[in-house]
Amino acid sequence: MTNFIMNVAAIAIILPVALVVAEYMGVNPYLILYSALTMAALPFLLLVGAAPNAIAYQSKQFTTGQFFMVGIPFTLIVLVMVALFALVVWPLLGVPALVN
């Protein structure tokens, strides 16, 4: 969602709902918080996602299509990395995936 609206607005809309849903699903709310904040900080697909995207576009060195085509693999890489961290690294640091 952060690729379509500003990342701060996406967090303001999604995070309260996600934290409530996490309780019902038995998922650690901290895991939801860290994952959502990480993904919101990394919008790669479109220009409206973050101010640095617009600044880079304003330099006239990139087209919107180039931004989008480079953003697809980066978004997939970030999704895999966040999943890896959520399932392997964060539990080692004391943030379990499931709440007993």
PDB file of N, CA and C in Angstrom:
ATOM      1  N   MET A   1       0.820  -1.189   0.000  1.00  0.00           N
ATOM      2  CA  MET A   1       0.000   0.000   0.000  1.00  0.00           C
ATOM      3  C   MET A   1       0.870   1.261   0.000  1.00  0.00           C
ATOM      4  N   THR A   2       2.080   1.175   0.553  1.00  0.00           N
ATOM      5  CA  THR A   2       2.921   2.368   0.599  1.00  0.00           C
ATOM      6  C   THR A   2       3.410   2.780  -0.773  1.00  0.00           C
ATOM      7  N   ASN A   3       3.245   1.933  -1.757  1.00  0.00           N
ATOM      8  CA  ASN A   3       3.631   2.325  -3.109  1.00  0.00           C
ATOM      9  C   ASN A   3       2.574   3.207  -3.763  1.00  0.00           C
ATOM     10  N   PHE A   4       1.357   3.229  -3.221  1.00  0.00           N
ATOM     11  CA  PHE A   4       0.270   3.994  -3.827  1.00  0.00           C
ATOM     12  C   PHE A   4      -0.058   5.268  -3.070  1.00  0.00           C
ATOM     13  N   ILE A   5       0.234   5.313  -1.766  1.00  0.00           N
ATOM     14  CA  ILE A   5       0.037   6.526  -0.973  1.00  0.00           C
ATOM     15  C   ILE A   5       1.297   6.744  -0.146  1.00  0.00           C
ATOM     16  N   MET A   6       1.429   7.889   0.482  1.00  0.00           N
ATOM     17  CA  MET A   6       2.614   8.180   1.293  1.00  0.00           C
ATOM     18  C   MET A   6       2.745   7.143   2.414  1.00  0.00           C
ATOM     19  N   ASN A   7       3.977   6.775   2.723  1.00  0.00           N
ATOM     20  CA  ASN A   7       4.219   5.708   3.685  1.00  0.00           C
ATOM     21  C   ASN A   7       3.680   6.030   5.074  1.00  0.00           C
ATOM     22  N   VAL A   8       3.725   7.275   5.503  1.00  0.00           N
ATOM     23  CA  VAL A   8       3.195   7.640   6.815  1.00  0.00           C
ATOM     24  C   VAL A   8       1.681   7.453   6.853  1.00  0.00           C
ATOM     25  N   ALA A   9       1.005   7.808   5.777  1.00  0.00           N
ATOM     26  CA  ALA A   9      -0.444   7.632   5.716  1.00  0.00           C
ATOM     27  C   ALA A   9      -0.813   6.150   5.713  1.00  0.00           C
ATOM     28  N   ALA A  10      -0.033   5.336   5.020  1.00  0.00           N
ATOM     29  CA  ALA A  10      -0.314   3.901   4.982  1.00  0.00           C
ATOM     30  C   ALA A  10      -0.201   3.284   6.372  1.00  0.00           C
ATOM     31  N   ILE A  11       0.815   3.668   7.116  1.00  0.00           N
ATOM     32  CA  ILE A  11       0.973   3.144   8.474  1.00  0.00           C
ATOM     33  C   ILE A  11      -0.163   3.611   9.362  1.00  0.00           C
ATOM     34  N   ALA A  12      -0.569   4.871   9.236  1.00  0.00           N
ATOM     35  CA  ALA A  12      -1.662   5.397  10.041  1.00  0.00           C
ATOM     36  C   ALA A  12      -2.973   4.671   9.762  1.00  0.00           C
ATOM     37  N   ILE A  13      -3.159   4.206   8.545  1.00  0.00           N
ATOM     38  CA  ILE A  13      -4.383   3.490   8.184  1.00  0.00           C
ATOM     39  C   ILE A  13      -4.308   2.022   8.580  1.00  0.00           C
ATOM     40  N   ILE A  14      -3.199   1.366   8.299  1.00  0.00           N
ATOM     41  CA  ILE A  14      -3.109  -0.089   8.425  1.00  0.00           C
ATOM     42  C   ILE A  14      -2.735  -0.578   9.814  1.00  0.00           C
ATOM     43  N   LEU A  15      -1.832   0.108  10.484  1.00  0.00           N
ATOM     44  CA  LEU A  15      -1.278  -0.421  11.729  1.00  0.00           C
ATOM     45  C   LEU A  15      -2.309  -0.638  12.827  1.00  0.00           C
ATOM     46  N   PRO A  16      -3.225   0.288  13.103  1.00  0.00           N
ATOM     47  CA  PRO A  16      -4.205   0.004  14.164  1.00  0.00           C
ATOM     48  C   PRO A  16      -5.051  -1.243  13.875  1.00  0.00           C
ATOM     49  N   VAL A  17      -5.443  -1.408  12.635  1.00  0.00           N
ATOM     50  CA  VAL A  17      -6.244  -2.579  12.261  1.00  0.00           C
ATOM     51  C   VAL A  17      -5.414  -3.850  12.363  1.00  0.00           C
ATOM     52  N   ALA A  18      -4.176  -3.802  11.883  1.00  0.00           N
ATOM     53  CA  ALA A  18      -3.311  -4.978  11.900  1.00  0.00           C
ATOM     54  C   ALA A  18      -2.996  -5.428  13.316  1.00  0.00           C
ATOM     55  N   LEU A  19      -2.829  -4.497  14.234  1.00  0.00           N
ATOM     56  CA  LEU A  19      -2.535  -4.879  15.614  1.00  0.00           C
ATOM     57  C   LEU A  19      -3.729  -5.561  16.285  1.00  0.00           C
ATOM     58  N   VAL A  20      -4.926  -5.117  15.972  1.00  0.00           N
ATOM     59  CA  VAL A  20      -6.122  -5.764  16.522  1.00  0.00           C
ATOM     60  C   VAL A  20      -6.301  -7.151  15.914  1.00  0.00           C
ATOM     61  N   VAL A  21      -6.099  -7.277  14.618  1.00  0.00           N
ATOM     62  CA  VAL A  21      -6.237  -8.569  13.945  1.00  0.00           C
ATOM     63  C   VAL A  21      -5.173  -9.549  14.439  1.00  0.00           C
ATOM     64  N   ALA A  22      -3.985  -9.053  14.741  1.00  0.00           N
ATOM     65  CA  ALA A  22      -2.908  -9.920  15.245  1.00  0.00           C
ATOM     66  C   ALA A  22      -3.312 -10.605  16.540  1.00  0.00           C
ATOM     67  N   GLU A  23      -4.020  -9.890  17.404  1.00  0.00           N
ATOM     68  CA  GLU A  23      -4.499 -10.486  18.656  1.00  0.00           C
ATOM     69  C   GLU A  23      -5.409 -11.671  18.394  1.00  0.00           C
ATOM     70  N   TYR A  24      -6.332 -11.512  17.471  1.00  0.00           N
ATOM     71  CA  TYR A  24      -7.283 -12.579  17.164  1.00  0.00           C
ATOM     72  C   TYR A  24      -6.613 -13.774  16.493  1.00  0.00           C
ATOM     73  N   MET A  25      -5.544 -13.523  15.743  1.00  0.00           N
ATOM     74  CA  MET A  25      -4.854 -14.605  15.043  1.00  0.00           C
ATOM     75  C   MET A  25      -3.790 -15.277  15.900  1.00  0.00           C
ATOM     76  N   GLY A  26      -3.489 -14.699  17.054  1.00  0.00           N
ATOM     77  CA  GLY A  26      -2.470 -15.276  17.920  1.00  0.00           C
ATOM     78  C   GLY A  26      -1.056 -14.951  17.489  1.00  0.00           C
ATOM     79  N   VAL A  27      -0.900 -13.915  16.688  1.00  0.00           N
ATOM     80  CA  VAL A  27       0.417 -13.495  16.212  1.00  0.00           C
ATOM     81  C   VAL A  27       0.927 -12.395  17.140  1.00  0.00           C
ATOM     82  N   ASN A  28       2.221 -12.404  17.381  1.00  0.00           N
ATOM     83  CA  ASN A  28       2.828 -11.398  18.234  1.00  0.00           C
ATOM     84  C   ASN A  28       2.636 -10.009  17.624  1.00  0.00           C
ATOM     85  N   PRO A  29       2.021  -9.074  18.364  1.00  0.00           N
ATOM     86  CA  PRO A  29       1.805  -7.738  17.809  1.00  0.00           C
ATOM     87  C   PRO A  29       3.105  -6.995  17.489  1.00  0.00           C
ATOM     88  N   TYR A  30       4.171  -7.283  18.230  1.00  0.00           N
ATOM     89  CA  TYR A  30       5.450  -6.655  17.931  1.00  0.00           C
ATOM     90  C   TYR A  30       5.967  -7.086  16.556  1.00  0.00           C
ATOM     91  N   LEU A  31       5.726  -8.331  16.220  1.00  0.00           N
ATOM     92  CA  LEU A  31       6.138  -8.829  14.902  1.00  0.00           C
ATOM     93  C   LEU A  31       5.390  -8.091  13.796  1.00  0.00           C
ATOM     94  N   ILE A  32       4.100  -7.863  13.997  1.00  0.00           N
ATOM     95  CA  ILE A  32       3.292  -7.107  13.034  1.00  0.00           C
ATOM     96  C   ILE A  32       3.799  -5.667  12.951  1.00  0.00           C
ATOM     97  N   LEU A  33       4.082  -5.071  14.100  1.00  0.00           N
ATOM     98  CA  LEU A  33       4.571  -3.697  14.141  1.00  0.00           C
ATOM     99  C   LEU A  33       5.880  -3.561  13.375  1.00  0.00           C
ATOM    100  N   TYR A  34       6.859  -4.406  13.685  1.00  0.00           N
ATOM    101  CA  TYR A  34       8.161  -4.310  13.031  1.00  0.00           C
ATOM    102  C   TYR A  34       8.067  -4.596  11.535  1.00  0.00           C
ATOM    103  N   SER A  35       7.273  -5.582  11.165  1.00  0.00           N
ATOM    104  CA  SER A  35       7.124  -5.915   9.744  1.00  0.00           C
ATOM    105  C   SER A  35       6.455  -4.783   8.973  1.00  0.00           C
ATOM    106  N   ALA A  36       5.397  -4.218   9.544  1.00  0.00           N
ATOM    107  CA  ALA A  36       4.676  -3.135   8.867  1.00  0.00           C
ATOM    108  C   ALA A  36       5.553  -1.897   8.727  1.00  0.00           C
ATOM    109  N   LEU A  37       6.286  -1.556   9.767  1.00  0.00           N
ATOM    110  CA  LEU A  37       7.147  -0.378   9.692  1.00  0.00           C
ATOM    111  C   LEU A  37       8.290  -0.587   8.700  1.00  0.00           C
ATOM    112  N   THR A  38       8.827  -1.795   8.654  1.00  0.00           N
ATOM    113  CA  THR A  38       9.893  -2.085   7.705  1.00  0.00           C
ATOM    114  C   THR A  38       9.398  -1.967   6.275  1.00  0.00           C
ATOM    115  N   MET A  39       8.265  -2.564   5.985  1.00  0.00           N
ATOM    116  CA  MET A  39       7.734  -2.518   4.627  1.00  0.00           C
ATOM    117  C   MET A  39       7.304  -1.105   4.232  1.00  0.00           C
ATOM    118  N   ALA A  40       6.800  -0.328   5.189  1.00  0.00           N
ATOM    119  CA  ALA A  40       6.381   1.038   4.865  1.00  0.00           C
ATOM    120  C   ALA A  40       7.577   1.929   4.562  1.00  0.00           C
ATOM    121  N   ALA A  41       8.728   1.582   5.104  1.00  0.00           N
ATOM    122  CA  ALA A  41       9.910   2.402   4.881  1.00  0.00           C
ATOM    123  C   ALA A  41      10.576   2.105   3.541  1.00  0.00           C
ATOM    124  N   LEU A  42      10.107   1.101   2.826  1.00  0.00           N
ATOM    125  CA  LEU A  42      10.786   0.677   1.604  1.00  0.00           C
ATOM    126  C   LEU A  42       9.863   0.637   0.385  1.00  0.00           C
ATOM    127  N   PRO A  43       9.238   1.754   0.021  1.00  0.00           N
ATOM    128  CA  PRO A  43       8.424   1.763  -1.196  1.00  0.00           C
ATOM    129  C   PRO A  43       9.298   1.983  -2.425  1.00  0.00           C
ATOM    130  N   PHE A  44       9.324   1.024  -3.313  1.00  0.00           N
ATOM    131  CA  PHE A  44      10.197   1.111  -4.477  1.00  0.00           C
ATOM    132  C   PHE A  44       9.462   1.275  -5.801  1.00  0.00           C
ATOM    133  N   LEU A  45       8.182   0.934  -5.858  1.00  0.00           N
ATOM    134  CA  LEU A  45       7.506   0.841  -7.154  1.00  0.00           C
ATOM    135  C   LEU A  45       7.118   2.178  -7.766  1.00  0.00           C
ATOM    136  N   LEU A  46       6.489   3.015  -7.000  1.00  0.00           N
ATOM    137  CA  LEU A  46       5.943   4.247  -7.578  1.00  0.00           C
ATOM    138  C   LEU A  46       6.543   5.473  -6.905  1.00  0.00           C
ATOM    139  N   LEU A  47       6.373   6.597  -7.530  1.00  0.00           N
ATOM    140  CA  LEU A  47       6.994   7.826  -7.053  1.00  0.00           C
ATOM    141  C   LEU A  47       6.339   8.400  -5.815  1.00  0.00           C
ATOM    142  N   VAL A  48       5.067   8.144  -5.602  1.00  0.00           N
ATOM    143  CA  VAL A  48       4.359   8.764  -4.484  1.00  0.00           C
ATOM    144  C   VAL A  48       4.647   8.096  -3.149  1.00  0.00           C
ATOM    145  N   GLY A  49       5.360   6.983  -3.149  1.00  0.00           N
ATOM    146  CA  GLY A  49       5.592   6.235  -1.916  1.00  0.00           C
ATOM    147  C   GLY A  49       6.416   6.963  -0.884  1.00  0.00           C
ATOM    148  N   ALA A  50       7.408   7.703  -1.299  1.00  0.00           N
ATOM    149  CA  ALA A  50       8.274   8.403  -0.351  1.00  0.00           C
ATOM    150  C   ALA A  50       8.891   9.608  -1.033  1.00  0.00           C
ATOM    151  N   ALA A  51       9.272  10.577  -0.234  1.00  0.00           N
ATOM    152  CA  ALA A  51       9.870  11.796  -0.770  1.00  0.00           C
ATOM    153  C   ALA A  51      11.167  11.535  -1.539  1.00  0.00           C
ATOM    154  N   PRO A  52      12.049  10.626  -1.082  1.00  0.00           N
ATOM    155  CA  PRO A  52      13.265  10.382  -1.870  1.00  0.00           C
ATOM    156  C   PRO A  52      12.978   9.871  -3.287  1.00  0.00           C
ATOM    157  N   ASN A  53      11.878   9.146  -3.448  1.00  0.00           N
ATOM    158  CA  ASN A  53      11.506   8.701  -4.798  1.00  0.00           C
ATOM    159  C   ASN A  53      11.203   9.896  -5.696  1.00  0.00           C
ATOM    160  N   ALA A  54      10.460  10.848  -5.180  1.00  0.00           N
ATOM    161  CA  ALA A  54      10.113  12.036  -5.958  1.00  0.00           C
ATOM    162  C   ALA A  54      11.347  12.883  -6.243  1.00  0.00           C
ATOM    163  N   ILE A  55      12.253  12.967  -5.276  1.00  0.00           N
ATOM    164  CA  ILE A  55      13.483  13.734  -5.484  1.00  0.00           C
ATOM    165  C   ILE A  55      14.324  13.098  -6.588  1.00  0.00           C
ATOM    166  N   ALA A  56      14.438  11.770  -6.558  1.00  0.00           N
ATOM    167  CA  ALA A  56      15.202  11.074  -7.596  1.00  0.00           C
ATOM    168  C   ALA A  56      14.546  11.260  -8.962  1.00  0.00           C
ATOM    169  N   TYR A  57      13.229  11.220  -9.009  1.00  0.00           N
ATOM    170  CA  TYR A  57      12.518  11.410 -10.275  1.00  0.00           C
ATOM    171  C   TYR A  57      12.694  12.836 -10.801  1.00  0.00           C
ATOM    172  N   GLN A  58      12.715  13.789  -9.902  1.00  0.00           N
ATOM    173  CA  GLN A  58      12.845  15.195 -10.290  1.00  0.00           C
ATOM    174  C   GLN A  58      14.179  15.480 -10.974  1.00  0.00           C
ATOM    175  N   SER A  59      15.182  14.643 -10.733  1.00  0.00           N
ATOM    176  CA  SER A  59      16.482  14.853 -11.370  1.00  0.00           C
ATOM    177  C   SER A  59      16.440  14.590 -12.874  1.00  0.00           C
ATOM    178  N   LYS A  60      15.337  14.039 -13.344  1.00  0.00           N
ATOM    179  CA  LYS A  60      15.106  13.754 -14.765  1.00  0.00           C
ATOM    180  C   LYS A  60      16.071  12.698 -15.332  1.00  0.00           C
ATOM    181  N   GLN A  61      16.640  11.881 -14.464  1.00  0.00           N
ATOM    182  CA  GLN A  61      17.512  10.811 -14.915  1.00  0.00           C
ATOM    183  C   GLN A  61      16.756   9.495 -15.056  1.00  0.00           C
ATOM    184  N   PHE A  62      15.535   9.426 -14.519  1.00  0.00           N
ATOM    185  CA  PHE A  62      14.740   8.199 -14.549  1.00  0.00           C
ATOM    186  C   PHE A  62      13.372   8.498 -15.111  1.00  0.00           C
ATOM    187  N   THR A  63      12.805   7.520 -15.779  1.00  0.00           N
ATOM    188  CA  THR A  63      11.402   7.620 -16.184  1.00  0.00           C
ATOM    189  C   THR A  63      10.565   6.839 -15.180  1.00  0.00           C
ATOM    190  N   THR A  64       9.264   7.056 -15.220  1.00  0.00           N
ATOM    191  CA  THR A  64       8.374   6.323 -14.322  1.00  0.00           C
ATOM    192  C   THR A  64       8.448   4.828 -14.601  1.00  0.00           C
ATOM    193  N   GLY A  65       8.530   4.459 -15.858  1.00  0.00           N
ATOM    194  CA  GLY A  65       8.633   3.046 -16.228  1.00  0.00           C
ATOM    195  C   GLY A  65       9.897   2.394 -15.698  1.00  0.00           C
ATOM    196  N   GLN A  66      11.008   3.105 -15.774  1.00  0.00           N
ATOM    197  CA  GLN A  66      12.264   2.567 -15.231  1.00  0.00           C
ATOM    198  C   GLN A  66      12.159   2.391 -13.728  1.00  0.00           C
ATOM    199  N   PHE A  67      11.558   3.357 -13.066  1.00  0.00           N
ATOM    200  CA  PHE A  67      11.368   3.277 -11.628  1.00  0.00           C
ATOM    201  C   PHE A  67      10.559   2.034 -11.276  1.00  0.00           C
ATOM    202  N   PHE A  68       9.496   1.801 -12.017  1.00  0.00           N
ATOM    203  CA  PHE A  68       8.618   0.658 -11.760  1.00  0.00           C
ATOM    204  C   PHE A  68       9.331  -0.666 -12.027  1.00  0.00           C
ATOM    205  N   MET A  69      10.058  -0.759 -13.142  1.00  0.00           N
ATOM    206  CA  MET A  69      10.722  -2.022 -13.496  1.00  0.00           C
ATOM    207  C   MET A  69      11.850  -2.370 -12.522  1.00  0.00           C
ATOM    208  N   VAL A  70      12.551  -1.398 -12.021  1.00  0.00           N
ATOM    209  CA  VAL A  70      13.585  -1.661 -11.021  1.00  0.00           C
ATOM    210  C   VAL A  70      12.942  -1.940  -9.669  1.00  0.00           C
ATOM    211  N   GLY A  71      11.788  -1.337  -9.406  1.00  0.00           N
ATOM    212  CA  GLY A  71      11.114  -1.515  -8.125  1.00  0.00           C
ATOM    213  C   GLY A  71      10.542  -2.904  -7.911  1.00  0.00           C
ATOM    214  N   ILE A  72      10.152  -3.586  -8.976  1.00  0.00           N
ATOM    215  CA  ILE A  72       9.562  -4.931  -8.832  1.00  0.00           C
ATOM    216  C   ILE A  72      10.540  -5.910  -8.184  1.00  0.00           C
ATOM    217  N   PRO A  73      11.757  -6.085  -8.703  1.00  0.00           N
ATOM    218  CA  PRO A  73      12.663  -7.032  -8.037  1.00  0.00           C
ATOM    219  C   PRO A  73      13.064  -6.586  -6.634  1.00  0.00           C
ATOM    220  N   PHE A  74      13.244  -5.284  -6.440  1.00  0.00           N
ATOM    221  CA  PHE A  74      13.605  -4.818  -5.107  1.00  0.00           C
ATOM    222  C   PHE A  74      12.490  -5.076  -4.102  1.00  0.00           C
ATOM    223  N   THR A  75      11.243  -4.891  -4.506  1.00  0.00           N
ATOM    224  CA  THR A  75      10.117  -5.166  -3.616  1.00  0.00           C
ATOM    225  C   THR A  75      10.059  -6.650  -3.270  1.00  0.00           C
ATOM    226  N   LEU A  76      10.274  -7.517  -4.244  1.00  0.00           N
ATOM    227  CA  LEU A  76      10.275  -8.953  -3.974  1.00  0.00           C
ATOM    228  C   LEU A  76      11.417  -9.350  -3.040  1.00  0.00           C
ATOM    229  N   ILE A  77      12.583  -8.768  -3.239  1.00  0.00           N
ATOM    230  CA  ILE A  77      13.718  -9.055  -2.365  1.00  0.00           C
ATOM    231  C   ILE A  77      13.416  -8.619  -0.935  1.00  0.00           C
ATOM    232  N   VAL A  78      12.820  -7.442  -0.783  1.00  0.00           N
ATOM    233  CA  VAL A  78      12.494  -6.952   0.559  1.00  0.00           C
ATOM    234  C   VAL A  78      11.438  -7.834   1.214  1.00  0.00           C
ATOM    235  N   LEU A  79      10.447  -8.284   0.455  1.00  0.00           N
ATOM    236  CA  LEU A  79       9.434  -9.179   1.025  1.00  0.00           C
ATOM    237  C   LEU A  79      10.065 -10.460   1.556  1.00  0.00           C
ATOM    238  N   VAL A  80      10.975 -11.037   0.799  1.00  0.00           N
ATOM    239  CA  VAL A  80      11.660 -12.259   1.234  1.00  0.00           C
ATOM    240  C   VAL A  80      12.513 -11.980   2.469  1.00  0.00           C
ATOM    241  N   MET A  81      13.214 -10.862   2.475  1.00  0.00           N
ATOM    242  CA  MET A  81      14.072 -10.540   3.614  1.00  0.00           C
ATOM    243  C   MET A  81      13.269 -10.289   4.884  1.00  0.00           C
ATOM    244  N   VAL A  82      12.143  -9.590   4.776  1.00  0.00           N
ATOM    245  CA  VAL A  82      11.313  -9.344   5.955  1.00  0.00           C
ATOM    246  C   VAL A  82      10.733 -10.657   6.468  1.00  0.00           C
ATOM    247  N   ALA A  83      10.308 -11.536   5.567  1.00  0.00           N
ATOM    248  CA  ALA A  83       9.803 -12.848   5.993  1.00  0.00           C
ATOM    249  C   ALA A  83      10.899 -13.648   6.687  1.00  0.00           C
ATOM    250  N   LEU A  84      12.098 -13.625   6.148  1.00  0.00           N
ATOM    251  CA  LEU A  84      13.226 -14.325   6.759  1.00  0.00           C
ATOM    252  C   LEU A  84      13.531 -13.769   8.144  1.00  0.00           C
ATOM    253  N   PHE A  85      13.549 -12.457   8.260  1.00  0.00           N
ATOM    254  CA  PHE A  85      13.798 -11.850   9.563  1.00  0.00           C
ATOM    255  C   PHE A  85      12.681 -12.184  10.547  1.00  0.00           C
ATOM    256  N   ALA A  86      11.420 -12.135  10.082  1.00  0.00           N
ATOM    257  CA  ALA A  86      10.289 -12.404  10.974  1.00  0.00           C
ATOM    258  C   ALA A  86      10.279 -13.843  11.465  1.00  0.00           C
ATOM    259  N   LEU A  87      10.714 -14.767  10.642  1.00  0.00           N
ATOM    260  CA  LEU A  87      10.661 -16.184  11.019  1.00  0.00           C
ATOM    261  C   LEU A  87      11.940 -16.701  11.663  1.00  0.00           C
ATOM    262  N   VAL A  88      13.088 -16.073  11.376  1.00  0.00           N
ATOM    263  CA  VAL A  88      14.357 -16.610  11.872  1.00  0.00           C
ATOM    264  C   VAL A  88      15.067 -15.644  12.825  1.00  0.00           C
ATOM    265  N   VAL A  89      15.309 -14.431  12.385  1.00  0.00           N
ATOM    266  CA  VAL A  89      16.160 -13.519  13.146  1.00  0.00           C
ATOM    267  C   VAL A  89      15.436 -12.926  14.353  1.00  0.00           C
ATOM    268  N   TRP A  90      14.246 -12.387  14.156  1.00  0.00           N
ATOM    269  CA  TRP A  90      13.548 -11.751  15.271  1.00  0.00           C
ATOM    270  C   TRP A  90      13.217 -12.721  16.397  1.00  0.00           C
ATOM    271  N   PRO A  91      12.831 -13.978  16.137  1.00  0.00           N
ATOM    272  CA  PRO A  91      12.655 -14.911  17.256  1.00  0.00           C
ATOM    273  C   PRO A  91      13.950 -15.141  18.044  1.00  0.00           C
ATOM    274  N   LEU A  92      15.100 -15.115  17.367  1.00  0.00           N
ATOM    275  CA  LEU A  92      16.372 -15.243  18.080  1.00  0.00           C
ATOM    276  C   LEU A  92      16.648 -14.034  18.969  1.00  0.00           C
ATOM    277  N   LEU A  93      16.084 -12.897  18.610  1.00  0.00           N
ATOM    278  CA  LEU A  93      16.251 -11.676  19.392  1.00  0.00           C
ATOM    279  C   LEU A  93      15.172 -11.492  20.449  1.00  0.00           C
ATOM    280  N   GLY A  94      14.270 -12.462  20.575  1.00  0.00           N
ATOM    281  CA  GLY A  94      13.238 -12.399  21.613  1.00  0.00           C
ATOM    282  C   GLY A  94      11.880 -11.947  21.156  1.00  0.00           C
ATOM    283  N   VAL A  95      11.639 -11.904  19.876  1.00  0.00           N
ATOM    284  CA  VAL A  95      10.320 -11.529  19.347  1.00  0.00           C
ATOM    285  C   VAL A  95       9.730 -12.769  18.688  1.00  0.00           C
ATOM    286  N   PRO A  96       9.031 -13.616  19.453  1.00  0.00           N
ATOM    287  CA  PRO A  96       8.484 -14.833  18.862  1.00  0.00           C
ATOM    288  C   PRO A  96       7.363 -14.518  17.874  1.00  0.00           C
ATOM    289  N   ALA A  97       7.184 -15.395  16.909  1.00  0.00           N
ATOM    290  CA  ALA A  97       6.165 -15.171  15.886  1.00  0.00           C
ATOM    291  C   ALA A  97       4.756 -15.377  16.429  1.00  0.00           C
ATOM    292  N   LEU A  98       4.586 -16.362  17.286  1.00  0.00           N
ATOM    293  CA  LEU A  98       3.262 -16.666  17.829  1.00  0.00           C
ATOM    294  C   LEU A  98       3.212 -16.361  19.312  1.00  0.00           C
ATOM    295  N   VAL A  99       2.053 -15.935  19.777  1.00  0.00           N
ATOM    296  CA  VAL A  99       1.837 -15.680  21.194  1.00  0.00           C
ATOM    297  C   VAL A  99       1.119 -16.881  21.770  1.00  0.00           C
ATOM    298  N   ASN A 100       1.632 -17.403  22.862  1.00  0.00           N
ATOM    299  CA  ASN A 100       0.998 -18.597  23.481  1.00  0.00           C
ATOM    300  C   ASN A 100      -0.266 -18.242  24.214  1.00  0.00           C
TER     301      ASN A 100
END
